[in-house]
Amino acid sequence: CGGEGKVIKNKCKECAGEGIVYGEEVVTVKIPAGVAEGMQLSMSGK
């Protein structure tokens, strides 16, 4: 099972059993005042 503890008997026809597909999402990032060149912001889970 690759460490998942379960195995898939019938794989999803849309994602071939992966559980993910290639798509798109619009994400809004709020950038604070005072940032500088080279700083890196992170949005968890996006």
All heavy atoms as atom14 arrays in JSON, in Angstrom:
{
  "sequence": "CGGEGKVIKNKCKECAGEGIVYGEEVVTVKIPAGVAEGMQLSMSGK",
  "atom14_mask": [
    [1, 1, 1, 1, 1, 1, 0, 0, 0, 0, 0, 0, 0, 0],
    [1, 1, 1, 1, 0, 0, 0, 0, 0, 0, 0, 0, 0, 0],
    [1, 1, 1, 1, 0, 0, 0, 0, 0, 0, 0, 0, 0, 0],
    [1, 1, 1, 1, 1, 1, 1, 1, 1, 0, 0, 0, 0, 0],
    [1, 1, 1, 1, 0, 0, 0, 0, 0, 0, 0, 0, 0, 0],
    [1, 1, 1, 1, 1, 1, 1, 1, 1, 0, 0, 0, 0, 0],
    [1, 1, 1, 1, 1, 1, 1, 0, 0, 0, 0, 0, 0, 0],
    [1, 1, 1, 1, 1, 1, 1, 1, 0, 0, 0, 0, 0, 0],
    [1, 1, 1, 1, 1, 1, 1, 1, 1, 0, 0, 0, 0, 0],
    [1, 1, 1, 1, 1, 1, 1, 1, 0, 0, 0, 0, 0, 0],
    [1, 1, 1, 1, 1, 1, 1, 1, 1, 0, 0, 0, 0, 0],
    [1, 1, 1, 1, 1, 1, 0, 0, 0, 0, 0, 0, 0, 0],
    [1, 1, 1, 1, 1, 1, 1, 1, 1, 0, 0, 0, 0, 0],
    [1, 1, 1, 1, 1, 1, 1, 1, 1, 0, 0, 0, 0, 0],
    [1, 1, 1, 1, 1, 1, 0, 0, 0, 0, 0, 0, 0, 0],
    [1, 1, 1, 1, 1, 0, 0, 0, 0, 0, 0, 0, 0, 0],
    [1, 1, 1, 1, 0, 0, 0, 0, 0, 0, 0, 0, 0, 0],
    [1, 1, 1, 1, 1, 1, 1, 1, 1, 0, 0, 0, 0, 0],
    [1, 1, 1, 1, 0, 0, 0, 0, 0, 0, 0, 0, 0, 0],
    [1, 1, 1, 1, 1, 1, 1, 1, 0, 0, 0, 0, 0, 0],
    [1, 1, 1, 1, 1, 1, 1, 0, 0, 0, 0, 0, 0, 0],
    [1, 1, 1, 1, 1, 1, 1, 1, 1, 1, 1, 1, 0, 0],
    [1, 1, 1, 1, 0, 0, 0, 0, 0, 0, 0, 0, 0, 0],
    [1, 1, 1, 1, 1, 1, 1, 1, 1, 0, 0, 0, 0, 0],
    [1, 1, 1, 1, 1, 1, 1, 1, 1, 0, 0, 0, 0, 0],
    [1, 1, 1, 1, 1, 1, 1, 0, 0, 0, 0, 0, 0, 0],
    [1, 1, 1, 1, 1, 1, 1, 0, 0, 0, 0, 0, 0, 0],
    [1, 1, 1, 1, 1, 1, 1, 0, 0, 0, 0, 0, 0, 0],
    [1, 1, 1, 1, 1, 1, 1, 0, 0, 0, 0, 0, 0, 0],
    [1, 1, 1, 1, 1, 1, 1, 1, 1, 0, 0, 0, 0, 0],
    [1, 1, 1, 1, 1, 1, 1, 1, 0, 0, 0, 0, 0, 0],
    [1, 1, 1, 1, 1, 1, 1, 0, 0, 0, 0, 0, 0, 0],
    [1, 1, 1, 1, 1, 0, 0, 0, 0, 0, 0, 0, 0, 0],
    [1, 1, 1, 1, 0, 0, 0, 0, 0, 0, 0, 0, 0, 0],
    [1, 1, 1, 1, 1, 1, 1, 0, 0, 0, 0, 0, 0, 0],
    [1, 1, 1, 1, 1, 0, 0, 0, 0, 0, 0, 0, 0, 0],
    [1, 1, 1, 1, 1, 1, 1, 1, 1, 0, 0, 0, 0, 0],
    [1, 1, 1, 1, 0, 0, 0, 0, 0, 0, 0, 0, 0, 0],
    [1, 1, 1, 1, 1, 1, 1, 1, 0, 0, 0, 0, 0, 0],
    [1, 1, 1, 1, 1, 1, 1, 1, 1, 0, 0, 0, 0, 0],
    [1, 1, 1, 1, 1, 1, 1, 1, 0, 0, 0, 0, 0, 0],
    [1, 1, 1, 1, 1, 1, 0, 0, 0, 0, 0, 0, 0, 0],
    [1, 1, 1, 1, 1, 1, 1, 1, 0, 0, 0, 0, 0, 0],
    [1, 1, 1, 1, 1, 1, 0, 0, 0, 0, 0, 0, 0, 0],
    [1, 1, 1, 1, 0, 0, 0, 0, 0, 0, 0, 0, 0, 0],
    [1, 1, 1, 1, 1, 1, 1, 1, 1, 0, 0, 0, 0, 0]
  ],
  "atom14_positions": [
    [[0.81, -1.23, 0.0], [0.0, 0.0, 0.0], [0.83, 1.26, 0.0], [0.27, 2.38, -0.04], [-0.94, 0.02, 1.19], [-0.08, 0.1, 2.8], [0.0, 0.0, 0.0], [0.0, 0.0, 0.0], [0.0, 0.0, 0.0], [0.0, 0.0, 0.0], [0.0, 0.0, 0.0], [0.0, 0.0, 0.0], [0.0, 0.0, 0.0], [0.0, 0.0, 0.0]],
    [[2.18, 1.12, 0.05], [3.03, 2.3, 0.06], [2.95, 3.11, 1.33], [3.26, 4.29, 1.35], [0.0, 0.0, 0.0], [0.0, 0.0, 0.0], [0.0, 0.0, 0.0], [0.0, 0.0, 0.0], [0.0, 0.0, 0.0], [0.0, 0.0, 0.0], [0.0, 0.0, 0.0], [0.0, 0.0, 0.0], [0.0, 0.0, 0.0], [0.0, 0.0, 0.0]],
    [[2.46, 2.48, 2.42], [2.39, 3.16, 3.71], [1.04, 3.78, 4.02], [0.85, 4.34, 5.1], [0.0, 0.0, 0.0], [0.0, 0.0, 0.0], [0.0, 0.0, 0.0], [0.0, 0.0, 0.0], [0.0, 0.0, 0.0], [0.0, 0.0, 0.0], [0.0, 0.0, 0.0], [0.0, 0.0, 0.0], [0.0, 0.0, 0.0], [0.0, 0.0, 0.0]],
    [[0.06, 3.67, 3.1], [-1.24, 4.3, 3.32], [-2.18, 3.46, 4.2], [-3.15, 3.99, 4.74], [-1.93, 4.59, 1.99], [-1.26, 5.68, 1.17], [-2.09, 6.05, -0.05], [-2.99, 6.89, 0.08], [-1.85, 5.46, -1.12], [0.0, 0.0, 0.0], [0.0, 0.0, 0.0], [0.0, 0.0, 0.0], [0.0, 0.0, 0.0], [0.0, 0.0, 0.0]],
    [[-1.93, 2.19, 4.3], [-2.78, 1.32, 5.11], [-4.01, 0.81, 4.4], [-4.83, 0.08, 4.98], [0.0, 0.0, 0.0], [0.0, 0.0, 0.0], [0.0, 0.0, 0.0], [0.0, 0.0, 0.0], [0.0, 0.0, 0.0], [0.0, 0.0, 0.0], [0.0, 0.0, 0.0], [0.0, 0.0, 0.0], [0.0, 0.0, 0.0], [0.0, 0.0, 0.0]],
    [[-4.18, 1.2, 3.12], [-5.32, 0.73, 2.35], [-4.92, 0.61, 0.88], [-3.96, 1.25, 0.44], [-6.51, 1.68, 2.49], [-6.23, 3.09, 2.05], [-7.43, 4.0, 2.3], [-7.1, 5.44, 1.87], [-8.25, 6.35, 2.11], [0.0, 0.0, 0.0], [0.0, 0.0, 0.0], [0.0, 0.0, 0.0], [0.0, 0.0, 0.0], [0.0, 0.0, 0.0]],
    [[-5.66, -0.19, 0.17], [-5.43, -0.38, -1.27], [-6.72, -0.09, -2.01], [-7.82, -0.32, -1.49], [-4.93, -1.81, -1.59], [-3.53, -2.02, -1.05], [-5.88, -2.85, -1.04], [0.0, 0.0, 0.0], [0.0, 0.0, 0.0], [0.0, 0.0, 0.0], [0.0, 0.0, 0.0], [0.0, 0.0, 0.0], [0.0, 0.0, 0.0], [0.0, 0.0, 0.0]],
    [[-6.58, 0.44, -3.22], [-7.74, 0.79, -4.04], [-8.09, -0.39, -4.94], [-7.25, -0.88, -5.71], [-7.45, 2.05, -4.87], [-7.17, 3.23, -3.94], [-8.61, 2.36, -5.8], [-6.72, 4.47, -4.66], [0.0, 0.0, 0.0], [0.0, 0.0, 0.0], [0.0, 0.0, 0.0], [0.0, 0.0, 0.0], [0.0, 0.0, 0.0], [0.0, 0.0, 0.0]],
    [[-9.32, -0.84, -4.85], [-9.78, -1.95, -5.69], [-10.2, -1.45, -7.06], [-9.78, -1.98, -8.08], [-10.95, -2.66, -5.01], [-10.59, -3.35, -3.71], [-11.75, -4.22, -3.21], [-13.0, -3.35, -2.91], [-14.11, -4.16, -2.39], [0.0, 0.0, 0.0], [0.0, 0.0, 0.0], [0.0, 0.0, 0.0], [0.0, 0.0, 0.0], [0.0, 0.0, 0.0]],
    [[-11.05, -0.43, -7.07], [-11.54, 0.14, -8.33], [-11.07, 1.59, -8.44], [-11.54, 2.46, -7.71], [-13.07, 0.08, -8.38], [-13.59, -1.34, -8.24], [-13.08, -2.26, -8.87], [-14.61, -1.52, -7.4], [0.0, 0.0, 0.0], [0.0, 0.0, 0.0], [0.0, 0.0, 0.0], [0.0, 0.0, 0.0], [0.0, 0.0, 0.0], [0.0, 0.0, 0.0]],
    [[-10.12, 1.84, -9.34], [-9.56, 3.18, -9.46], [-10.54, 4.15, -10.13], [-11.29, 3.77, -11.03], [-8.26, 3.13, -10.28], [-7.13, 2.41, -9.56], [-5.84, 2.48, -10.37], [-4.71, 1.8, -9.62], [-3.44, 1.87, -10.4], [0.0, 0.0, 0.0], [0.0, 0.0, 0.0], [0.0, 0.0, 0.0], [0.0, 0.0, 0.0], [0.0, 0.0, 0.0]],
    [[-10.49, 5.4, -9.65], [-11.33, 6.45, -10.21], [-10.99, 6.65, -11.69], [-9.81, 6.7, -12.07], [-11.1, 7.76, -9.44], [-11.89, 9.21, -10.16], [0.0, 0.0, 0.0], [0.0, 0.0, 0.0], [0.0, 0.0, 0.0], [0.0, 0.0, 0.0], [0.0, 0.0, 0.0], [0.0, 0.0, 0.0], [0.0, 0.0, 0.0], [0.0, 0.0, 0.0]],
    [[-12.03, 6.79, -12.52], [-11.81, 6.93, -13.96], [-11.25, 8.29, -14.34], [-10.59, 8.45, -15.36], [-13.13, 6.71, -14.7], [-13.72, 5.32, -14.49], [-15.1, 5.2, -15.12], [-15.71, 3.83, -14.85], [-17.09, 3.73, -15.41], [0.0, 0.0, 0.0], [0.0, 0.0, 0.0], [0.0, 0.0, 0.0], [0.0, 0.0, 0.0], [0.0, 0.0, 0.0]],
    [[-11.5, 9.3, -13.48], [-11.06, 10.66, -13.8], [-9.59, 10.9, -13.46], [-8.87, 11.57, -14.19], [-11.92, 11.69, -13.05], [-13.39, 11.66, -13.42], [-13.63, 12.11, -14.85], [-12.88, 12.98, -15.33], [-14.56, 11.58, -15.49], [0.0, 0.0, 0.0], [0.0, 0.0, 0.0], [0.0, 0.0, 0.0], [0.0, 0.0, 0.0], [0.0, 0.0, 0.0]],
    [[-9.15, 10.36, -12.34], [-7.78, 10.64, -11.88], [-6.88, 9.41, -11.9], [-5.74, 9.48, -11.44], [-7.8, 11.24, -10.47], [-8.46, 10.1, -9.21], [0.0, 0.0, 0.0], [0.0, 0.0, 0.0], [0.0, 0.0, 0.0], [0.0, 0.0, 0.0], [0.0, 0.0, 0.0], [0.0, 0.0, 0.0], [0.0, 0.0, 0.0], [0.0, 0.0, 0.0]],
    [[-7.39, 8.3, -12.4], [-6.62, 7.05, -12.49], [-6.12, 6.58, -11.13], [-5.04, 6.01, -11.0], [-5.46, 7.21, -13.46], [0.0, 0.0, 0.0], [0.0, 0.0, 0.0], [0.0, 0.0, 0.0], [0.0, 0.0, 0.0], [0.0, 0.0, 0.0], [0.0, 0.0, 0.0], [0.0, 0.0, 0.0], [0.0, 0.0, 0.0], [0.0, 0.0, 0.0]],
    [[-6.92, 6.86, -10.1], [-6.6, 6.38, -8.76], [-5.66, 7.28, -7.97], [-5.31, 6.96, -6.83], [0.0, 0.0, 0.0], [0.0, 0.0, 0.0], [0.0, 0.0, 0.0], [0.0, 0.0, 0.0], [0.0, 0.0, 0.0], [0.0, 0.0, 0.0], [0.0, 0.0, 0.0], [0.0, 0.0, 0.0], [0.0, 0.0, 0.0], [0.0, 0.0, 0.0]],
    [[-5.27, 8.42, -8.53], [-4.33, 9.31, -7.84], [-5.03, 10.22, -6.83], [-4.41, 10.69, -5.87], [-3.57, 10.17, -8.85], [-2.67, 9.39, -9.8], [-1.52, 8.74, -9.06], [-0.72, 9.45, -8.45], [-1.44, 7.49, -9.09], [0.0, 0.0, 0.0], [0.0, 0.0, 0.0], [0.0, 0.0, 0.0], [0.0, 0.0, 0.0], [0.0, 0.0, 0.0]],
    [[-6.28, 10.53, -7.06], [-7.0, 11.44, -6.16], [-6.77, 12.91, -6.49], [-7.33, 13.8, -5.84], [0.0, 0.0, 0.0], [0.0, 0.0, 0.0], [0.0, 0.0, 0.0], [0.0, 0.0, 0.0], [0.0, 0.0, 0.0], [0.0, 0.0, 0.0], [0.0, 0.0, 0.0], [0.0, 0.0, 0.0], [0.0, 0.0, 0.0], [0.0, 0.0, 0.0]],
    [[-5.94, 13.19, -7.49], [-5.67, 14.57, -7.91], [-5.7, 14.66, -9.44], [-5.4, 13.68, -10.14], [-4.31, 15.08, -7.4], [-3.17, 14.13, -7.82], [-4.32, 15.25, -5.89], [-1.79, 14.62, -7.45], [0.0, 0.0, 0.0], [0.0, 0.0, 0.0], [0.0, 0.0, 0.0], [0.0, 0.0, 0.0], [0.0, 0.0, 0.0], [0.0, 0.0, 0.0]],
    [[-6.08, 15.83, -9.93], [-6.08, 16.09, -11.37], [-5.45, 17.47, -11.6], [-5.39, 18.3, -10.69], [-7.51, 16.06, -11.96], [-8.09, 14.66, -11.9], [-8.42, 17.05, -11.24], [0.0, 0.0, 0.0], [0.0, 0.0, 0.0], [0.0, 0.0, 0.0], [0.0, 0.0, 0.0], [0.0, 0.0, 0.0], [0.0, 0.0, 0.0], [0.0, 0.0, 0.0]],
    [[-4.99, 17.71, -12.83], [-4.38, 19.0, -13.14], [-5.48, 20.01, -13.44], [-6.35, 19.79, -14.28], [-3.45, 18.86, -14.35], [-2.43, 19.97, -14.44], [-1.46, 20.12, -13.44], [-2.42, 20.85, -15.5], [-0.51, 21.13, -13.51], [-1.47, 21.86, -15.59], [-0.52, 22.0, -14.6], [0.41, 23.0, -14.67], [0.0, 0.0, 0.0], [0.0, 0.0, 0.0]],
    [[-5.45, 21.12, -12.7], [-6.47, 22.14, -12.89], [-5.9, 23.51, -12.59], [-4.7, 23.75, -12.76], [0.0, 0.0, 0.0], [0.0, 0.0, 0.0], [0.0, 0.0, 0.0], [0.0, 0.0, 0.0], [0.0, 0.0, 0.0], [0.0, 0.0, 0.0], [0.0, 0.0, 0.0], [0.0, 0.0, 0.0], [0.0, 0.0, 0.0], [0.0, 0.0, 0.0]],
    [[-6.76, 24.41, -12.17], [-6.29, 25.76, -11.86], [-7.09, 26.34, -10.7], [-8.21, 25.9, -10.4], [-6.38, 26.68, -13.08], [-7.77, 26.87, -13.61], [-7.79, 27.75, -14.87], [-6.83, 27.7, -15.67], [-8.78, 28.49, -15.03], [0.0, 0.0, 0.0], [0.0, 0.0, 0.0], [0.0, 0.0, 0.0], [0.0, 0.0, 0.0], [0.0, 0.0, 0.0]],
    [[-6.5, 27.32, -10.04], [-7.14, 27.98, -8.9], [-6.67, 29.43, -8.85], [-5.5, 29.72, -9.09], [-6.79, 27.27, -7.59], [-7.43, 27.9, -6.36], [-6.99, 27.25, -5.06], [-6.18, 26.29, -5.12], [-7.44, 27.69, -3.99], [0.0, 0.0, 0.0], [0.0, 0.0, 0.0], [0.0, 0.0, 0.0], [0.0, 0.0, 0.0], [0.0, 0.0, 0.0]],
    [[-7.6, 30.33, -8.54], [-7.25, 31.74, -8.36], [-7.0, 31.96, -6.87], [-7.86, 31.7, -6.04], [-8.36, 32.67, -8.86], [-8.02, 34.13, -8.57], [-8.59, 32.48, -10.36], [0.0, 0.0, 0.0], [0.0, 0.0, 0.0], [0.0, 0.0, 0.0], [0.0, 0.0, 0.0], [0.0, 0.0, 0.0], [0.0, 0.0, 0.0], [0.0, 0.0, 0.0]],
    [[-5.8, 32.43, -6.55], [-5.4, 32.63, -5.15], [-5.11, 34.11, -4.92], [-4.42, 34.75, -5.72], [-4.15, 31.8, -4.8], [-3.69, 32.08, -3.38], [-4.43, 30.31, -4.98], [0.0, 0.0, 0.0], [0.0, 0.0, 0.0], [0.0, 0.0, 0.0], [0.0, 0.0, 0.0], [0.0, 0.0, 0.0], [0.0, 0.0, 0.0], [0.0, 0.0, 0.0]],
    [[-5.66, 34.65, -3.85], [-5.41, 36.05, -3.48], [-4.37, 36.08, -2.36], [-4.53, 35.43, -1.34], [-6.7, 36.74, -3.01], [-7.67, 36.7, -4.06], [-6.43, 38.19, -2.63], [0.0, 0.0, 0.0], [0.0, 0.0, 0.0], [0.0, 0.0, 0.0], [0.0, 0.0, 0.0], [0.0, 0.0, 0.0], [0.0, 0.0, 0.0], [0.0, 0.0, 0.0]],
    [[-3.31, 36.83, -2.59], [-2.23, 36.96, -1.61], [-2.23, 38.38, -1.06], [-2.17, 39.34, -1.82], [-0.86, 36.65, -2.23], [0.24, 36.78, -1.19], [-0.86, 35.25, -2.83], [0.0, 0.0, 0.0], [0.0, 0.0, 0.0], [0.0, 0.0, 0.0], [0.0, 0.0, 0.0], [0.0, 0.0, 0.0], [0.0, 0.0, 0.0], [0.0, 0.0, 0.0]],
    [[-2.3, 38.51, 0.26], [-2.22, 39.81, 0.9], [-0.78, 40.07, 1.3], [-0.25, 39.42, 2.19], [-3.13, 39.85, 2.13], [-3.23, 41.23, 2.77], [-4.2, 41.23, 3.94], [-4.29, 42.61, 4.57], [-5.21, 42.63, 5.74], [0.0, 0.0, 0.0], [0.0, 0.0, 0.0], [0.0, 0.0, 0.0], [0.0, 0.0, 0.0], [0.0, 0.0, 0.0]],
    [[-0.16, 41.03, 0.62], [1.25, 41.35, 0.87], [1.33, 42.53, 1.83], [0.76, 43.59, 1.56], [1.97, 41.66, -0.45], [1.88, 40.45, -1.39], [3.43, 42.04, -0.2], [2.4, 40.69, -2.77], [0.0, 0.0, 0.0], [0.0, 0.0, 0.0], [0.0, 0.0, 0.0], [0.0, 0.0, 0.0], [0.0, 0.0, 0.0], [0.0, 0.0, 0.0]],
    [[2.02, 42.38, 2.94], [2.07, 43.45, 3.94], [2.94, 44.62, 3.49], [3.8, 44.47, 2.61], [2.67, 42.75, 5.16], [3.55, 41.7, 4.57], [2.82, 41.21, 3.34], [0.0, 0.0, 0.0], [0.0, 0.0, 0.0], [0.0, 0.0, 0.0], [0.0, 0.0, 0.0], [0.0, 0.0, 0.0], [0.0, 0.0, 0.0], [0.0, 0.0, 0.0]],
    [[2.73, 45.76, 4.1], [3.54, 46.95, 3.81], [4.96, 46.74, 4.33], [5.18, 46.08, 5.34], [2.92, 48.18, 4.46], [0.0, 0.0, 0.0], [0.0, 0.0, 0.0], [0.0, 0.0, 0.0], [0.0, 0.0, 0.0], [0.0, 0.0, 0.0], [0.0, 0.0, 0.0], [0.0, 0.0, 0.0], [0.0, 0.0, 0.0], [0.0, 0.0, 0.0]],
    [[5.92, 47.29, 3.6], [7.31, 47.27, 4.07], [8.15, 46.11, 3.61], [9.3, 45.99, 4.02], [0.0, 0.0, 0.0], [0.0, 0.0, 0.0], [0.0, 0.0, 0.0], [0.0, 0.0, 0.0], [0.0, 0.0, 0.0], [0.0, 0.0, 0.0], [0.0, 0.0, 0.0], [0.0, 0.0, 0.0], [0.0, 0.0, 0.0], [0.0, 0.0, 0.0]],
    [[7.61, 45.23, 2.77], [8.4, 44.09, 2.31], [9.56, 44.58, 1.45], [9.55, 45.72, 0.96], [7.54, 43.07, 1.52], [6.52, 42.42, 2.42], [6.88, 43.75, 0.34], [0.0, 0.0, 0.0], [0.0, 0.0, 0.0], [0.0, 0.0, 0.0], [0.0, 0.0, 0.0], [0.0, 0.0, 0.0], [0.0, 0.0, 0.0], [0.0, 0.0, 0.0]],
    [[10.54, 43.73, 1.24], [11.73, 44.13, 0.49], [12.11, 43.05, -0.51], [11.65, 41.91, -0.44], [12.89, 44.41, 1.44], [0.0, 0.0, 0.0], [0.0, 0.0, 0.0], [0.0, 0.0, 0.0], [0.0, 0.0, 0.0], [0.0, 0.0, 0.0], [0.0, 0.0, 0.0], [0.0, 0.0, 0.0], [0.0, 0.0, 0.0], [0.0, 0.0, 0.0]],
    [[12.97, 43.45, -1.44], [13.48, 42.54, -2.47], [14.07, 41.28, -1.82], [14.85, 41.35, -0.87], [14.58, 43.25, -3.27], [15.3, 42.39, -4.3], [14.6, 42.39, -5.65], [13.8, 43.31, -5.91], [14.87, 41.47, -6.45], [0.0, 0.0, 0.0], [0.0, 0.0, 0.0], [0.0, 0.0, 0.0], [0.0, 0.0, 0.0], [0.0, 0.0, 0.0]],
    [[13.67, 40.11, -2.34], [14.21, 38.85, -1.85], [13.42, 38.2, -0.74], [13.64, 37.03, -0.43], [0.0, 0.0, 0.0], [0.0, 0.0, 0.0], [0.0, 0.0, 0.0], [0.0, 0.0, 0.0], [0.0, 0.0, 0.0], [0.0, 0.0, 0.0], [0.0, 0.0, 0.0], [0.0, 0.0, 0.0], [0.0, 0.0, 0.0], [0.0, 0.0, 0.0]],
    [[12.49, 38.96, -0.11], [11.66, 38.34, 0.93], [10.73, 37.31, 0.3], [10.31, 37.43, -0.84], [10.84, 39.4, 1.66], [11.63, 40.22, 2.66], [10.54, 41.31, 3.61], [11.72, 42.06, 4.71], [0.0, 0.0, 0.0], [0.0, 0.0, 0.0], [0.0, 0.0, 0.0], [0.0, 0.0, 0.0], [0.0, 0.0, 0.0], [0.0, 0.0, 0.0]],
    [[10.4, 36.32, 1.08], [9.53, 35.25, 0.6], [8.34, 35.09, 1.54], [8.51, 34.92, 2.74], [10.3, 33.94, 0.5], [9.49, 32.78, -0.05], [10.34, 31.54, -0.28], [11.0, 31.4, -1.31], [10.34, 30.64, 0.67], [0.0, 0.0, 0.0], [0.0, 0.0, 0.0], [0.0, 0.0, 0.0], [0.0, 0.0, 0.0], [0.0, 0.0, 0.0]],
    [[7.14, 35.16, 0.98], [5.93, 34.93, 1.74], [5.44, 33.52, 1.44], [5.71, 32.97, 0.38], [4.85, 35.95, 1.37], [5.26, 37.41, 1.25], [4.05, 38.27, 0.95], [5.93, 37.87, 2.52], [0.0, 0.0, 0.0], [0.0, 0.0, 0.0], [0.0, 0.0, 0.0], [0.0, 0.0, 0.0], [0.0, 0.0, 0.0], [0.0, 0.0, 0.0]],
    [[4.7, 32.95, 2.37], [4.21, 31.59, 2.19], [2.75, 31.49, 2.57], [2.34, 31.96, 3.63], [5.04, 30.62, 3.05], [4.5, 29.31, 2.96], [0.0, 0.0, 0.0], [0.0, 0.0, 0.0], [0.0, 0.0, 0.0], [0.0, 0.0, 0.0], [0.0, 0.0, 0.0], [0.0, 0.0, 0.0], [0.0, 0.0, 0.0], [0.0, 0.0, 0.0]],
    [[1.98, 30.89, 1.68], [0.58, 30.59, 1.97], [0.44, 29.09, 2.17], [0.59, 28.3, 1.23], [-0.33, 31.07, 0.84], [-0.44, 32.58, 0.75], [-1.71, 33.1, -0.43], [-3.2, 32.65, 0.46], [0.0, 0.0, 0.0], [0.0, 0.0, 0.0], [0.0, 0.0, 0.0], [0.0, 0.0, 0.0], [0.0, 0.0, 0.0], [0.0, 0.0, 0.0]],
    [[0.18, 28.7, 3.38], [0.09, 27.29, 3.72], [-1.09, 26.63, 3.02], [-2.21, 27.15, 3.04], [-0.03, 27.13, 5.24], [-0.11, 25.77, 5.59], [0.0, 0.0, 0.0], [0.0, 0.0, 0.0], [0.0, 0.0, 0.0], [0.0, 0.0, 0.0], [0.0, 0.0, 0.0], [0.0, 0.0, 0.0], [0.0, 0.0, 0.0], [0.0, 0.0, 0.0]],
    [[-0.83, 25.48, 2.4], [-1.91, 24.7, 1.8], [-2.39, 25.18, 0.45], [-3.38, 24.67, -0.07], [0.0, 0.0, 0.0], [0.0, 0.0, 0.0], [0.0, 0.0, 0.0], [0.0, 0.0, 0.0], [0.0, 0.0, 0.0], [0.0, 0.0, 0.0], [0.0, 0.0, 0.0], [0.0, 0.0, 0.0], [0.0, 0.0, 0.0], [0.0, 0.0, 0.0]],
    [[-1.7, 26.14, -0.17], [-2.13, 26.66, -1.47], [-1.25, 26.15, -2.61], [-1.35, 26.64, -3.74], [-2.13, 28.19, -1.46], [-3.19, 28.79, -0.56], [-4.59, 28.41, -1.01], [-5.66, 29.06, -0.14], [-7.03, 28.69, -0.59], [0.0, 0.0, 0.0], [0.0, 0.0, 0.0], [0.0, 0.0, 0.0], [0.0, 0.0, 0.0], [0.0, 0.0, 0.0]]
  ]
}
